[in-house]
N, C-alpha and C. Protein backbone atom coordinates (compact mmCIF):
# COMPACT_ATOMS: atom_id res chain seq x y z
N MET A 1 105.24 170.62 76.13
CA MET A 1 105.77 168.64 76.32
C MET A 1 105.05 168.16 77.72
N ILE A 2 104.12 167.18 77.37
CA ILE A 2 103.80 166.56 78.74
C ILE A 2 104.92 165.62 78.88
N ARG A 3 105.71 165.84 80.34
CA ARG A 3 106.67 164.34 80.63
C ARG A 3 105.82 163.91 82.13
N LEU A 4 105.74 162.15 81.69
CA LEU A 4 105.85 161.10 81.91
C LEU A 4 106.44 160.50 83.21
N VAL A 5 106.10 159.72 84.66
CA VAL A 5 106.67 158.72 84.66
C VAL A 5 105.40 157.79 85.14
N ILE A 6 106.04 156.50 84.61
CA ILE A 6 105.02 155.34 84.98
C ILE A 6 105.47 154.74 85.70
N ILE A 7 104.58 154.27 87.15
CA ILE A 7 105.18 153.28 88.02
C ILE A 7 103.73 151.78 87.99
N GLU A 8 104.70 151.07 87.20
CA GLU A 8 103.14 149.94 87.20
C GLU A 8 103.93 148.95 86.90
N ASP A 9 103.46 147.61 88.07
CA ASP A 9 104.54 146.21 87.77
C ASP A 9 104.16 145.45 86.42
N GLU A 10 102.56 145.54 86.05
CA GLU A 10 102.62 144.58 85.23
C GLU A 10 103.07 144.99 82.98
N PRO A 11 104.22 144.26 82.65
CA PRO A 11 104.95 144.94 81.96
C PRO A 11 103.95 145.16 80.75
N LEU A 12 103.45 144.11 80.72
CA LEU A 12 102.40 144.49 79.09
C LEU A 12 101.62 145.59 78.96
N LEU A 13 101.08 146.07 80.27
CA LEU A 13 100.07 147.44 80.41
C LEU A 13 100.64 148.53 80.93
N ARG A 14 102.48 148.63 80.83
CA ARG A 14 103.02 149.81 80.98
C ARG A 14 103.67 149.95 79.53
N LEU A 15 103.40 149.04 78.77
CA LEU A 15 104.07 148.82 77.60
C LEU A 15 103.09 149.66 76.40
N GLY A 16 101.81 149.16 77.22
CA GLY A 16 101.21 149.91 76.31
C GLY A 16 100.46 151.19 76.46
N ILE A 17 100.90 151.39 77.88
CA ILE A 17 100.74 153.01 78.42
C ILE A 17 101.62 154.32 77.25
N LYS A 18 102.33 153.53 77.57
CA LYS A 18 103.97 153.70 77.03
C LYS A 18 103.98 154.42 75.14
N SER A 19 103.40 153.10 74.78
CA SER A 19 103.16 153.20 73.14
C SER A 19 102.13 154.61 73.20
N VAL A 20 100.80 154.57 73.34
CA VAL A 20 100.06 155.53 73.35
C VAL A 20 100.40 156.40 73.71
N ILE A 21 101.02 156.96 74.66
CA ILE A 21 102.03 158.54 75.30
C ILE A 21 102.85 158.53 74.00
N ASN A 22 103.98 158.08 73.56
CA ASN A 22 105.02 158.14 72.81
C ASN A 22 104.53 158.70 71.31
N GLN A 23 103.35 158.32 71.58
CA GLN A 23 102.28 158.44 69.68
C GLN A 23 102.69 159.57 69.58
N ASP A 24 102.05 160.63 70.74
CA ASP A 24 101.40 161.78 70.85
C ASP A 24 102.48 162.89 70.93
N GLU A 25 103.04 163.68 70.21
CA GLU A 25 103.64 165.05 70.12
C GLU A 25 103.94 165.60 70.97
N ASP A 26 102.65 165.28 71.85
CA ASP A 26 103.05 166.50 73.05
C ASP A 26 103.01 165.83 74.69
N MET A 27 103.87 164.25 74.25
CA MET A 27 103.71 163.84 75.52
C MET A 27 105.11 163.11 75.43
N GLU A 28 105.79 162.58 76.50
CA GLU A 28 106.87 161.85 76.54
C GLU A 28 107.04 161.57 77.75
N VAL A 29 107.33 160.25 77.92
CA VAL A 29 107.43 158.93 79.37
C VAL A 29 109.45 159.30 79.06
N CYS A 30 109.56 160.18 80.43
CA CYS A 30 110.94 160.09 80.80
C CYS A 30 111.65 158.70 81.78
N GLY A 31 110.48 158.09 82.32
CA GLY A 31 110.90 157.17 83.20
C GLY A 31 109.95 155.90 83.28
N GLU A 32 110.54 154.79 84.13
CA GLU A 32 108.73 153.56 84.00
C GLU A 32 109.33 152.67 85.27
N ALA A 33 109.09 152.39 86.17
CA ALA A 33 108.85 151.50 87.12
C ALA A 33 108.41 150.74 87.69
N ASP A 34 108.81 149.26 88.37
CA ASP A 34 107.71 148.44 88.71
C ASP A 34 107.84 148.04 90.33
N THR A 35 108.67 149.20 90.40
CA THR A 35 108.02 149.14 92.16
C THR A 35 107.87 150.32 92.69
N GLY A 36 107.20 150.78 94.20
CA GLY A 36 107.61 151.70 94.15
C GLY A 36 108.30 152.83 94.72
N THR A 37 108.88 151.62 95.37
CA THR A 37 110.86 152.88 95.38
C THR A 37 111.44 153.27 94.09
N GLU A 38 111.69 151.92 93.21
CA GLU A 38 112.35 152.66 91.94
C GLU A 38 111.37 153.78 91.51
N GLY A 39 109.80 154.24 90.87
CA GLY A 39 109.05 155.23 90.77
C GLY A 39 109.56 156.33 91.83
N MET A 40 109.30 156.33 93.12
CA MET A 40 109.74 157.34 93.82
C MET A 40 111.32 157.59 93.06
N ARG A 41 112.18 157.29 93.35
CA ARG A 41 113.78 157.90 92.89
C ARG A 41 113.25 158.58 91.71
N LEU A 42 112.72 157.96 90.40
CA LEU A 42 112.54 158.48 89.48
C LEU A 42 111.99 159.94 89.03
N VAL A 43 110.72 159.84 90.34
CA VAL A 43 109.98 160.90 90.53
C VAL A 43 111.05 162.32 90.77
N GLU A 44 111.99 161.66 91.72
CA GLU A 44 112.31 162.80 92.17
C GLU A 44 113.64 162.79 91.29
N LEU A 45 113.85 162.62 90.60
CA LEU A 45 115.46 162.50 89.24
C LEU A 45 114.70 163.27 88.56
N PHE A 46 113.76 162.98 87.69
CA PHE A 46 113.20 163.47 86.33
C PHE A 46 111.92 164.57 86.62
N LYS A 47 111.23 164.88 87.34
CA LYS A 47 110.95 166.14 88.23
C LYS A 47 109.55 165.52 87.19
N PRO A 48 108.85 164.68 86.51
CA PRO A 48 107.98 164.86 85.75
C PRO A 48 106.70 165.67 86.32
N ASP A 49 105.29 165.92 85.15
CA ASP A 49 104.41 166.84 85.16
C ASP A 49 103.60 165.77 86.08
N ILE A 50 104.12 164.45 85.65
CA ILE A 50 102.54 163.66 86.11
C ILE A 50 102.89 161.92 86.19
N ALA A 51 103.09 161.76 87.24
CA ALA A 51 103.81 160.42 87.75
C ALA A 51 101.78 159.12 87.71
N LEU A 52 102.31 158.34 87.03
CA LEU A 52 100.62 157.38 87.15
C LEU A 52 100.83 156.27 87.97
N VAL A 53 100.64 156.08 88.57
CA VAL A 53 100.43 155.48 89.39
C VAL A 53 99.97 154.01 90.09
N ASP A 54 100.32 152.65 89.72
CA ASP A 54 99.24 151.72 90.16
C ASP A 54 99.16 151.61 91.28
N ILE A 55 97.93 151.22 92.74
CA ILE A 55 98.27 150.92 93.62
C ILE A 55 98.88 149.26 94.51
N GLY A 56 98.61 148.33 93.61
CA GLY A 56 99.44 147.28 93.77
C GLY A 56 99.98 146.77 93.52
N LEU A 57 100.92 148.16 94.16
CA LEU A 57 102.75 147.40 93.39
C LEU A 57 103.53 146.46 94.39
N PRO A 58 104.91 146.15 94.15
CA PRO A 58 104.73 144.90 95.10
C PRO A 58 105.73 144.63 96.37
N ASP A 59 105.93 146.07 96.46
CA ASP A 59 107.10 145.91 97.01
C ASP A 59 106.36 147.31 98.49
N ILE A 60 105.84 148.19 98.14
CA ILE A 60 104.98 149.12 98.75
C ILE A 60 103.96 149.37 98.68
N SER A 61 102.61 149.94 99.30
CA SER A 61 101.49 150.60 98.87
C SER A 61 101.41 151.83 98.67
N GLY A 62 100.55 151.24 97.10
CA GLY A 62 100.41 152.76 95.91
C GLY A 62 99.48 153.83 96.88
N LEU A 63 98.73 154.08 97.97
CA LEU A 63 98.61 155.02 98.55
C LEU A 63 99.63 155.74 99.68
N ASP A 64 100.44 155.09 99.92
CA ASP A 64 101.65 155.76 100.74
C ASP A 64 102.73 156.33 100.27
N LEU A 65 103.04 155.48 98.87
CA LEU A 65 103.67 156.41 97.30
C LEU A 65 103.16 157.21 96.73
N ILE A 66 101.59 158.37 97.54
CA ILE A 66 100.88 159.27 96.28
C ILE A 66 101.31 159.97 97.26
N TYR A 67 101.26 160.06 98.76
CA TYR A 67 101.27 160.72 99.94
C TYR A 67 102.88 161.17 99.25
N ASP A 68 103.80 160.33 99.34
CA ASP A 68 105.63 160.30 99.69
C ASP A 68 105.01 161.53 98.17
N ILE A 69 105.07 161.16 96.99
CA ILE A 69 105.07 161.62 95.32
C ILE A 69 104.36 163.12 95.82
N LYS A 70 103.14 163.36 96.27
CA LYS A 70 102.40 164.40 96.66
C LYS A 70 103.09 165.81 97.50
N THR A 71 104.02 164.92 98.63
CA THR A 71 104.28 165.86 100.02
C THR A 71 106.09 166.37 99.53
N ARG A 72 106.44 165.25 98.61
CA ARG A 72 108.04 165.87 98.24
C ARG A 72 108.35 165.65 97.17
N THR A 73 107.42 166.27 95.87
CA THR A 73 107.61 166.21 95.30
C THR A 73 105.92 167.76 94.39
N ASN A 74 106.33 168.70 92.93
CA ASN A 74 105.40 169.11 92.80
C ASN A 74 104.64 167.97 91.44
N SER A 75 104.81 166.72 91.60
CA SER A 75 104.58 166.25 90.56
C SER A 75 102.92 165.76 91.14
N LYS A 76 102.12 165.64 89.46
CA LYS A 76 100.68 164.87 90.12
C LYS A 76 100.48 164.08 89.65
N VAL A 77 99.56 163.06 90.24
CA VAL A 77 99.23 162.19 90.11
C VAL A 77 97.93 161.42 89.38
N ILE A 78 98.03 160.20 88.78
CA ILE A 78 97.31 159.81 88.00
C ILE A 78 96.80 158.24 88.58
N VAL A 79 95.78 158.10 89.51
CA VAL A 79 96.22 156.86 90.19
C VAL A 79 95.72 155.95 88.91
N ILE A 80 96.12 154.60 88.34
CA ILE A 80 95.78 153.61 87.40
C ILE A 80 95.32 152.24 87.78
N THR A 81 94.32 151.55 88.28
CA THR A 81 94.45 150.36 89.43
C THR A 81 92.83 149.55 88.87
N TYR A 82 92.55 148.46 89.37
CA TYR A 82 92.25 147.61 89.16
C TYR A 82 90.84 148.14 90.41
N HIS A 83 91.44 148.72 91.43
CA HIS A 83 90.51 148.86 92.41
C HIS A 83 89.44 149.55 91.91
N ALA A 84 88.67 149.41 92.33
CA ALA A 84 86.45 150.18 92.06
C ALA A 84 86.74 150.47 93.37
N SER A 85 86.93 149.85 94.69
CA SER A 85 86.40 149.80 95.86
C SER A 85 86.49 151.88 96.27
N GLN A 86 85.07 151.81 96.85
CA GLN A 86 84.59 153.30 97.20
C GLN A 86 85.75 153.53 98.30
N ASP A 87 86.11 152.21 99.31
CA ASP A 87 86.76 153.04 100.21
C ASP A 87 88.47 153.25 99.32
N ILE A 88 89.17 152.48 99.28
CA ILE A 88 90.44 152.84 98.49
C ILE A 88 90.44 154.43 97.07
N VAL A 89 88.84 154.70 96.62
CA VAL A 89 89.04 155.63 95.93
C VAL A 89 89.33 157.16 96.57
N ASN A 90 88.44 156.82 98.11
CA ASN A 90 88.77 157.94 98.77
C ASN A 90 89.87 157.78 99.14
N LEU A 91 90.64 156.74 99.12
CA LEU A 91 91.90 156.84 100.72
C LEU A 91 92.73 157.69 99.30
N ALA A 92 92.77 157.33 97.98
CA ALA A 92 94.19 157.20 97.34
C ALA A 92 93.68 159.85 96.96
N LEU A 93 92.30 159.41 96.69
CA LEU A 93 92.04 161.16 96.67
C LEU A 93 92.52 162.24 98.03
N GLN A 94 92.25 161.52 99.45
CA GLN A 94 92.49 162.14 100.14
C GLN A 94 94.08 161.84 100.84
N ASN A 95 95.13 160.65 99.98
CA ASN A 95 96.21 161.17 100.17
C ASN A 95 96.76 161.96 98.99
N GLY A 96 96.32 162.54 98.12
CA GLY A 96 96.34 163.36 97.49
C GLY A 96 96.60 163.23 95.75
N ALA A 97 95.95 162.38 95.68
CA ALA A 97 95.79 162.05 93.67
C ALA A 97 95.04 162.87 93.19
N ASP A 98 95.75 163.15 91.97
CA ASP A 98 94.35 163.81 91.49
C ASP A 98 93.66 163.86 90.73
N SER A 99 93.68 162.33 90.22
CA SER A 99 92.84 161.96 88.97
C SER A 99 93.27 160.45 89.68
N TYR A 100 91.82 159.48 88.85
CA TYR A 100 92.14 157.95 89.16
C TYR A 100 90.70 156.81 88.48
N ILE A 101 92.14 156.85 87.65
CA ILE A 101 90.95 155.57 86.71
C ILE A 101 91.68 153.80 86.51
N LEU A 102 90.45 153.62 86.25
CA LEU A 102 90.43 151.99 86.42
C LEU A 102 91.14 151.11 84.77
N LYS A 103 91.85 150.16 85.56
CA LYS A 103 93.21 149.52 84.83
C LYS A 103 92.31 148.95 83.22
N THR A 104 91.90 149.14 81.82
CA THR A 104 90.75 148.84 81.12
C THR A 104 91.99 148.66 79.80
N MET A 105 92.04 148.52 78.34
CA MET A 105 92.66 148.55 77.41
C MET A 105 92.05 150.05 76.63
N ASP A 106 91.24 150.45 77.33
CA ASP A 106 91.13 151.76 76.55
C ASP A 106 92.07 152.95 76.76
N LEU A 107 92.81 152.80 75.88
CA LEU A 107 94.03 154.03 76.26
C LEU A 107 93.85 155.48 76.02
N GLU A 108 92.47 155.36 75.01
CA GLU A 108 92.16 156.59 74.98
C GLU A 108 91.82 158.11 76.09
N LEU A 109 91.12 157.12 76.73
CA LEU A 109 90.57 156.99 78.27
C LEU A 109 92.31 157.84 79.29
N ILE A 110 93.31 157.25 78.52
CA ILE A 110 94.09 157.44 79.45
C ILE A 110 94.68 158.88 79.00
N LYS A 111 94.85 159.16 77.90
CA LYS A 111 95.46 160.69 77.43
C LYS A 111 94.38 161.74 77.40
N GLN A 112 92.95 161.36 77.90
CA GLN A 112 92.30 162.14 78.54
C GLN A 112 92.38 162.66 79.93
N ALA A 113 92.74 161.48 81.07
CA ALA A 113 93.09 161.68 82.10
C ALA A 113 94.31 162.34 82.18
N ILE A 114 95.34 162.19 81.84
CA ILE A 114 96.71 163.12 81.49
C ILE A 114 96.16 164.72 81.21
N ASN A 115 95.54 164.51 79.60
CA ASN A 115 95.76 166.44 79.65
C ASN A 115 94.24 167.18 80.16
N ALA A 116 93.64 166.46 80.96
CA ALA A 116 92.57 166.78 82.41
C ALA A 116 93.62 167.58 82.98
N THR A 117 94.61 166.25 83.36
CA THR A 117 95.52 166.36 85.23
C THR A 117 96.30 167.18 84.38
N TYR A 118 97.17 167.86 83.51
CA TYR A 118 97.99 168.45 83.55
C TYR A 118 97.57 169.51 83.45
N ARG A 119 96.16 169.80 82.84
CA ARG A 119 95.65 171.06 83.21
C ARG A 119 95.10 171.43 84.33
N ASN A 120 95.57 171.19 85.12
CA ASN A 120 94.55 171.44 86.87
C ASN A 120 93.40 170.13 86.89
N ASN A 121 92.53 169.83 86.48
CA ASN A 121 91.59 169.66 86.43
C ASN A 121 91.48 167.67 86.66
N SER A 122 90.54 167.45 87.63
CA SER A 122 90.77 166.36 88.60
C SER A 122 89.85 165.43 87.26
N PHE A 123 90.45 164.23 86.79
CA PHE A 123 90.10 163.55 86.09
C PHE A 123 89.60 162.30 86.78
N ILE A 124 88.34 160.97 86.59
CA ILE A 124 87.45 160.38 87.32
C ILE A 124 87.51 159.55 86.72
N ASP A 125 87.58 158.04 86.99
CA ASP A 125 86.99 157.00 85.30
C ASP A 125 85.72 157.42 85.94
N PRO A 126 84.83 157.69 83.89
CA PRO A 126 83.52 157.00 84.21
C PRO A 126 82.79 156.28 85.21
N GLU A 127 83.18 155.06 84.85
CA GLU A 127 82.00 153.77 85.68
C GLU A 127 82.18 154.36 86.78
N ILE A 128 83.24 155.44 87.76
CA ILE A 128 82.67 155.86 89.19
C ILE A 128 83.02 156.94 89.95
N ALA A 129 82.76 157.92 88.82
CA ALA A 129 82.85 159.03 89.45
C ALA A 129 81.81 159.36 90.37
N LYS A 130 80.71 158.74 89.32
CA LYS A 130 79.10 159.14 90.15
C LYS A 130 79.27 159.03 91.76
N ARG A 131 79.21 157.01 91.71
CA ARG A 131 79.90 157.16 93.06
C ARG A 131 80.50 157.75 94.03
N VAL A 132 82.23 158.66 93.80
CA VAL A 132 82.97 158.63 94.02
C VAL A 132 82.72 160.15 94.51
N PHE A 133 82.41 160.42 94.04
CA PHE A 133 81.48 162.43 94.40
C PHE A 133 80.15 162.08 94.50
N GLU A 134 79.67 161.27 95.10
CA GLU A 134 78.32 161.38 95.78
C GLU A 134 78.80 160.62 97.36
N ASN A 135 79.98 159.93 97.45
CA ASN A 135 80.68 159.50 98.32
C ASN A 135 81.73 160.87 99.69
N PHE A 136 82.50 160.79 98.30
CA PHE A 136 83.62 162.23 98.82
C PHE A 136 82.95 163.18 99.57
N THR A 137 81.81 163.78 98.77
CA THR A 137 81.84 164.48 99.17
C THR A 137 80.69 164.58 100.99
N CYS A 138 80.11 163.37 100.68
CA CYS A 138 79.23 162.96 102.36
C CYS A 138 80.26 163.57 103.25
N HIS A 139 81.27 162.67 103.08
CA HIS A 139 82.58 162.17 103.96
C HIS A 139 83.05 163.99 104.17
N ASN A 140 83.56 164.30 103.64
CA ASN A 140 84.88 165.54 103.19
C ASN A 140 84.60 166.33 104.26
N LYS A 141 82.90 166.52 104.79
CA LYS A 141 83.04 167.52 106.40
C LYS A 141 83.96 166.53 107.24
N LYS A 142 83.80 166.13 107.45
CA LYS A 142 84.72 164.91 108.15
C LYS A 142 85.82 164.51 108.47
N ILE A 143 86.26 165.42 107.42
CA ILE A 143 87.76 164.98 107.10
C ILE A 143 88.50 166.51 106.43
N LEU A 144 88.08 167.64 106.95
CA LEU A 144 88.38 168.87 106.66
C LEU A 144 89.57 168.83 107.31
N ASP A 145 90.57 169.03 106.93
CA ASP A 145 92.52 168.75 107.35
C ASP A 145 93.05 168.01 108.20
N LYS A 146 92.29 166.88 107.44
CA LYS A 146 92.79 165.34 107.71
C LYS A 146 92.78 164.80 106.91
N ARG A 147 93.81 164.89 106.04
CA ARG A 147 94.25 163.44 104.77
C ARG A 147 94.77 162.16 105.39
N TYR A 148 95.18 161.05 104.42
CA TYR A 148 94.49 160.05 105.61
C TYR A 148 96.28 159.66 105.87
N ARG A 149 96.40 159.80 106.88
CA ARG A 149 97.61 160.09 108.05
C ARG A 149 97.77 159.20 108.76
N GLU A 150 96.50 158.76 109.40
CA GLU A 150 96.20 157.82 109.99
C GLU A 150 96.82 156.86 109.61
N LEU A 151 98.24 156.25 109.06
CA LEU A 151 98.49 155.23 108.49
C LEU A 151 98.81 154.02 109.95
N PRO A 152 99.01 152.61 109.67
CA PRO A 152 99.49 151.32 110.61
C PRO A 152 101.27 152.68 110.91
N THR A 153 101.24 152.62 112.29
CA THR A 153 102.59 152.01 112.52
C THR A 153 103.41 151.02 111.79
N PRO A 154 105.57 151.40 112.05
CA PRO A 154 106.08 150.51 111.87
C PRO A 154 105.30 148.49 112.79
N THR A 155 105.31 149.17 114.16
CA THR A 155 104.46 147.82 114.87
C THR A 155 103.34 147.22 114.64
N GLU A 156 102.71 148.58 114.08
CA GLU A 156 101.41 147.37 114.15
C GLU A 156 101.69 146.79 112.41
N ILE A 157 102.38 147.46 111.94
CA ILE A 157 102.52 146.60 110.38
C ILE A 157 102.75 145.44 111.16
N LYS A 158 103.56 145.29 111.71
CA LYS A 158 104.40 143.86 112.49
C LYS A 158 103.42 142.90 112.74
N ILE A 159 102.85 143.47 113.70
CA ILE A 159 101.67 142.92 114.56
C ILE A 159 100.88 142.45 113.41
N LEU A 160 100.60 143.18 112.08
CA LEU A 160 99.27 142.37 110.78
C LEU A 160 99.69 141.59 110.18
N ASN A 161 101.28 141.38 110.27
CA ASN A 161 102.24 140.47 108.99
C ASN A 161 102.14 139.39 110.36
N LEU A 162 102.07 139.30 111.53
CA LEU A 162 102.33 138.53 112.65
C LEU A 162 100.73 137.55 112.40
N ILE A 163 99.66 138.38 112.56
CA ILE A 163 98.42 137.64 112.56
C ILE A 163 98.43 137.19 111.51
N ALA A 164 98.96 137.55 110.23
CA ALA A 164 98.62 137.19 108.67
C ALA A 164 99.50 136.06 108.64
N CYS A 165 100.22 135.80 110.00
CA CYS A 165 100.90 134.18 109.80
C CYS A 165 100.48 133.22 110.46
N GLY A 166 98.78 133.61 111.20
CA GLY A 166 98.56 132.74 111.95
C GLY A 166 99.30 132.92 113.43
N LEU A 167 99.62 133.71 114.02
CA LEU A 167 99.58 133.65 115.34
C LEU A 167 98.91 134.34 116.39
N SER A 168 98.91 133.37 117.68
CA SER A 168 98.16 134.48 118.62
C SER A 168 98.32 135.67 118.98
N ASN A 169 97.09 136.32 119.94
CA ASN A 169 97.78 137.07 120.59
C ASN A 169 98.47 136.76 121.92
N LYS A 170 99.19 135.62 122.06
CA LYS A 170 99.74 135.59 123.24
C LYS A 170 101.37 135.31 122.34
N GLU A 171 101.18 134.66 121.69
CA GLU A 171 102.82 134.16 120.71
C GLU A 171 103.05 135.51 120.10
N ILE A 172 102.25 136.49 119.55
CA ILE A 172 103.01 138.00 119.14
C ILE A 172 103.91 138.60 120.29
N ALA A 173 102.79 138.50 121.26
CA ALA A 173 103.61 139.21 122.58
C ALA A 173 104.98 138.74 122.69
N GLY A 174 105.16 137.29 122.41
CA GLY A 174 106.35 136.29 123.20
C GLY A 174 107.28 137.15 122.05
N GLN A 175 106.67 137.31 120.81
CA GLN A 175 107.93 137.62 119.71
C GLN A 175 108.33 138.65 119.54
N LEU A 176 107.02 139.74 120.06
CA LEU A 176 108.10 141.37 120.61
C LEU A 176 108.35 141.59 121.84
N PHE A 177 108.09 140.51 123.11
CA PHE A 177 108.60 141.05 124.07
C PHE A 177 107.88 142.23 124.46
N VAL A 178 106.20 141.61 124.68
CA VAL A 178 105.33 143.14 125.21
C VAL A 178 104.30 141.91 126.19
N THR A 179 103.72 142.74 126.55
CA THR A 179 102.42 141.69 126.82
C THR A 179 100.72 141.97 125.81
N VAL A 180 100.48 140.73 126.29
CA VAL A 180 99.19 140.21 125.58
C VAL A 180 97.99 141.68 125.29
N SER A 181 97.94 142.01 126.26
CA SER A 181 97.82 143.61 126.67
C SER A 181 97.50 144.73 125.33
N THR A 182 99.49 144.86 125.56
CA THR A 182 99.83 145.87 124.58
C THR A 182 99.44 144.98 123.00
N VAL A 183 99.33 143.63 122.64
CA VAL A 183 99.22 143.64 121.42
C VAL A 183 98.00 143.62 121.42
N LYS A 184 96.82 143.77 122.13
CA LYS A 184 95.50 143.74 121.57
C LYS A 184 95.24 144.88 121.44
N GLY A 185 95.87 146.15 121.97
CA GLY A 185 95.68 147.49 122.06
C GLY A 185 96.45 148.29 120.62
N HIS A 186 97.33 147.09 120.51
CA HIS A 186 97.49 147.40 118.74
C HIS A 186 96.77 147.09 118.09
N SER A 187 96.69 145.79 117.76
CA SER A 187 95.99 145.28 117.05
C SER A 187 94.38 146.50 116.66
N SER A 188 93.52 146.87 118.16
CA SER A 188 92.69 147.52 118.27
C SER A 188 92.52 148.85 117.20
N ASN A 189 93.83 149.56 117.84
CA ASN A 189 94.13 150.27 116.79
C ASN A 189 94.29 150.15 115.25
N VAL A 190 95.15 149.01 115.17
CA VAL A 190 95.28 148.70 113.44
C VAL A 190 93.79 148.65 112.86
N PHE A 191 93.64 147.94 113.54
CA PHE A 191 91.45 147.01 113.17
C PHE A 191 91.15 148.68 112.70
N SER A 192 90.68 149.58 113.29
CA SER A 192 90.28 151.20 113.62
C SER A 192 90.70 152.17 112.27
N LYS A 193 92.13 152.18 112.17
CA LYS A 193 92.82 152.84 110.62
C LYS A 193 92.04 151.88 109.09
N LEU A 194 92.21 150.18 109.91
CA LEU A 194 91.89 150.38 108.27
C LEU A 194 90.33 150.29 108.51
N GLY A 195 89.68 150.15 108.98
CA GLY A 195 88.46 150.67 109.16
C GLY A 195 87.44 149.20 108.94
N VAL A 196 88.35 148.22 109.94
CA VAL A 196 87.82 146.83 109.43
C VAL A 196 87.77 145.90 111.36
N ARG A 197 86.69 145.05 111.04
CA ARG A 197 86.32 144.47 112.52
C ARG A 197 87.22 143.22 111.92
N GLY A 198 87.32 142.12 113.48
CA GLY A 198 88.34 140.84 113.39
C GLY A 198 89.74 140.70 112.14
N ARG A 199 90.10 139.34 112.81
CA ARG A 199 91.62 139.36 111.98
C ARG A 199 91.30 139.20 110.34
N VAL A 200 90.30 138.68 110.20
CA VAL A 200 90.53 137.82 108.32
C VAL A 200 89.88 139.31 107.73
N ASN A 201 89.28 139.78 108.11
CA ASN A 201 88.74 141.22 107.40
C ASN A 201 90.10 142.21 107.46
N ALA A 202 90.72 142.46 108.36
CA ALA A 202 92.18 143.04 108.50
C ALA A 202 92.50 142.90 107.77
N ILE A 203 93.38 141.07 107.55
CA ILE A 203 94.37 140.81 107.18
C ILE A 203 94.02 140.45 105.43
N LEU A 204 92.57 141.05 104.89
CA LEU A 204 91.83 141.00 103.47
C LEU A 204 92.53 142.31 103.33
N LYS A 205 92.51 143.22 104.35
CA LYS A 205 92.32 144.99 103.49
C LYS A 205 93.75 145.08 104.30
N ALA A 206 94.57 145.00 105.02
CA ALA A 206 96.23 145.02 104.78
C ALA A 206 96.67 144.46 103.05
N LYS A 207 96.09 143.41 103.12
CA LYS A 207 96.36 142.90 101.67
C LYS A 207 96.25 144.30 100.54
N GLU A 208 95.01 144.30 100.42
CA GLU A 208 94.06 145.00 99.49
C GLU A 208 95.53 146.69 99.52
N LEU A 209 96.23 146.64 100.67
CA LEU A 209 96.71 148.18 100.59
C LEU A 209 97.99 148.05 100.50
N GLY A 210 98.32 146.52 100.70
CA GLY A 210 100.18 146.38 100.07
C GLY A 210 100.25 146.13 101.53
N TYR A 211 100.49 146.33 102.60
CA TYR A 211 100.45 146.07 104.27
C TYR A 211 101.77 144.93 104.64
N LEU A 212 100.69 143.63 103.49
CA LEU A 212 101.64 142.80 104.55
C LEU A 212 102.86 142.42 103.81
N GLU A 213 103.88 141.52 103.94
CA GLU A 213 104.89 141.19 103.29
C GLU A 213 104.67 139.90 102.46
N SER A 214 105.37 140.01 101.49
CA SER A 214 105.30 138.79 100.40
C SER A 214 105.08 137.71 100.52
N GLU A 215 106.15 137.01 101.51
CA GLU A 215 105.48 135.77 102.31
C GLU A 215 104.93 135.48 102.67
N ASN A 216 103.72 136.85 103.55
CA ASN A 216 102.60 136.33 104.37
C ASN A 216 101.50 135.96 103.03
N LEU A 217 101.96 136.73 102.50
CA LEU A 217 100.55 136.61 100.88
C LEU A 217 100.09 135.21 100.66
N ARG A 218 101.11 134.81 100.59
CA ARG A 218 101.29 133.31 99.94
C ARG A 218 100.56 132.10 101.15
N ALA A 219 100.95 132.83 102.16
CA ALA A 219 100.16 131.77 103.40
C ALA A 219 98.10 132.15 103.92
N ILE A 220 97.84 133.03 102.65
CA ILE A 220 96.41 133.70 103.13
C ILE A 220 95.36 132.98 102.01
């Protein structure tokens, strides 16, 4: 029996996944959550064989959640997401994701991913498999012994949110009681970690990765 926890904030998709899993006598949904925080709690509580994780969760970055599940439990992780971006796929794999599939109504594809992952085989959505492996192999030499750990610090995330609010470096420095040069240094560091240049691209990437607070997202 393959035991699963579903961490997905779209109720209809979550219901569809749960229905197809429960129709298979060899699979069982032992928990479901619509936030990363609740999902992590359920994974630690039920210790499932596999966690199905959406990257675009409302409370925390799915990338962080993948890393936490893989470092704090023995559960395997299947990412299920709309994101086909090469950068996002690579980051998910570097953080420990075992398989990666796109959100579609092809529920048989989800079952294939579950069975393959349970047998310790990675499953990559056919639509992105070729592109992912070509790029990931090329970059693998550069990231030996370096999983995606260079995440933004709490201070850098705070600065990202203030940038998203439209504050200047001087205004941010005033709020954080630091110098403008300190703000510029933190901004440069976090832009580098996100792999972007400039404030607009930083905001877009931070939004995509779930680092911006919800009240700031409405202002973007």
